[in-house]
Amino acid sequence: MSRDPGPEASALLAWDRALLSRALAELPPLNRAVVVLRHEEDLSYEQIADLTGLPLGTVKTYLFRGRQRLRESLKNEVGA
């Protein structure tokens, strides 16, 4: 039995990735960097603070605001 997704599932996954990429591109640079470091690189808040030189509270704020903007952007894109 093949674990390879069918063409429809592959197309939906590609569409989802494109949607997320566009939404990420719309974020301000620091918000985008913090979101990517947290969710794509799986870094802790402390690691992000060390890497960026930002205070821990600022990292949390950028992440919160970045997630909010992504949520709104994606909601507007899919019409939900």
Protein backbone atom coordinates (compact mmCIF):
# COMPACT_ATOMS: atom_id res chain seq x y z
CA MET A 1 0.00 0.00 0.00
CA SER A 2 1.46 3.35 -1.08
CA ARG A 3 1.73 6.25 1.35
CA ASP A 4 2.06 8.66 -1.57
CA PRO A 5 -0.83 11.15 -1.49
CA GLY A 6 -3.08 11.23 -4.50
CA PRO A 7 -3.07 14.10 -6.99
CA GLU A 8 -5.93 15.92 -5.25
CA ALA A 9 -4.25 15.77 -1.84
CA SER A 10 -0.95 16.89 -3.37
CA ALA A 11 -2.65 19.84 -5.07
CA LEU A 12 -4.36 20.89 -1.83
CA LEU A 13 -1.11 20.66 0.09
CA ALA A 14 0.67 22.79 -2.52
CA TRP A 15 -2.16 25.35 -2.37
CA ASP A 16 -1.95 25.45 1.45
CA ARG A 17 1.81 25.97 1.32
CA ALA A 18 1.48 28.76 -1.25
CA LEU A 19 -1.20 30.44 0.86
CA LEU A 20 0.98 30.28 3.96
CA SER A 21 4.03 31.55 2.06
CA ARG A 22 2.08 34.58 0.80
CA ALA A 23 0.74 35.29 4.30
CA LEU A 24 4.23 35.03 5.80
CA ALA A 25 5.62 37.37 3.13
CA GLU A 26 3.10 40.02 4.21
CA LEU A 27 4.37 40.07 7.80
CA PRO A 28 6.81 42.72 8.96
CA PRO A 29 10.36 41.30 8.85
CA LEU A 30 10.86 40.81 12.60
CA ASN A 31 7.44 39.20 13.05
CA ARG A 32 8.15 36.89 10.11
CA ALA A 33 11.60 35.96 11.45
CA VAL A 34 10.29 35.12 14.91
CA VAL A 35 7.37 33.07 13.53
CA VAL A 36 9.67 31.13 11.18
CA LEU A 37 12.25 30.49 13.89
CA ARG A 38 9.57 29.23 16.27
CA HIS A 39 7.41 27.17 13.93
CA GLU A 40 9.71 26.09 11.11
CA GLU A 41 13.01 25.87 12.99
CA ASP A 42 11.33 24.74 16.24
CA LEU A 43 13.44 27.05 18.41
CA SER A 44 12.41 27.94 21.94
CA TYR A 45 11.55 31.51 22.89
CA GLU A 46 14.87 31.74 24.72
CA GLN A 47 16.80 30.47 21.70
CA ILE A 48 15.07 33.03 19.48
CA ALA A 49 15.89 35.80 21.95
CA ASP A 50 19.55 34.74 21.99
CA LEU A 51 19.74 34.44 18.21
CA THR A 52 18.03 37.76 17.45
CA GLY A 53 19.32 39.76 20.41
CA LEU A 54 15.74 40.70 21.30
CA PRO A 55 14.47 40.63 24.88
CA LEU A 56 12.36 37.55 25.69
CA GLY A 57 9.20 39.65 26.17
CA THR A 58 9.70 41.24 22.75
CA VAL A 59 10.07 37.81 21.13
CA LYS A 60 6.76 36.76 22.70
CA THR A 61 5.09 39.96 21.51
CA TYR A 62 6.37 39.59 17.94
CA LEU A 63 5.27 35.97 17.89
CA PHE A 64 1.80 36.81 19.23
CA ARG A 65 1.31 39.66 16.74
CA GLY A 66 2.73 37.61 13.88
CA ARG A 67 0.32 34.75 14.61
CA GLN A 68 -2.58 37.19 14.79
CA ARG A 69 -1.70 38.71 11.43
CA LEU A 70 -1.26 35.29 9.85
CA ARG A 71 -4.62 34.17 11.19
CA GLU A 72 -6.34 37.26 9.79
CA SER A 73 -4.57 37.04 6.47
CA LEU A 74 -5.42 33.36 6.04
CA LYS A 75 -9.01 33.92 7.13
CA ASN A 76 -9.40 36.69 4.54
CA GLU A 77 -7.75 34.58 1.86
CA VAL A 78 -10.06 31.59 2.26
CA GLY A 79 -13.12 33.73 2.92
CA ALA A 80 -13.94 32.24 6.31
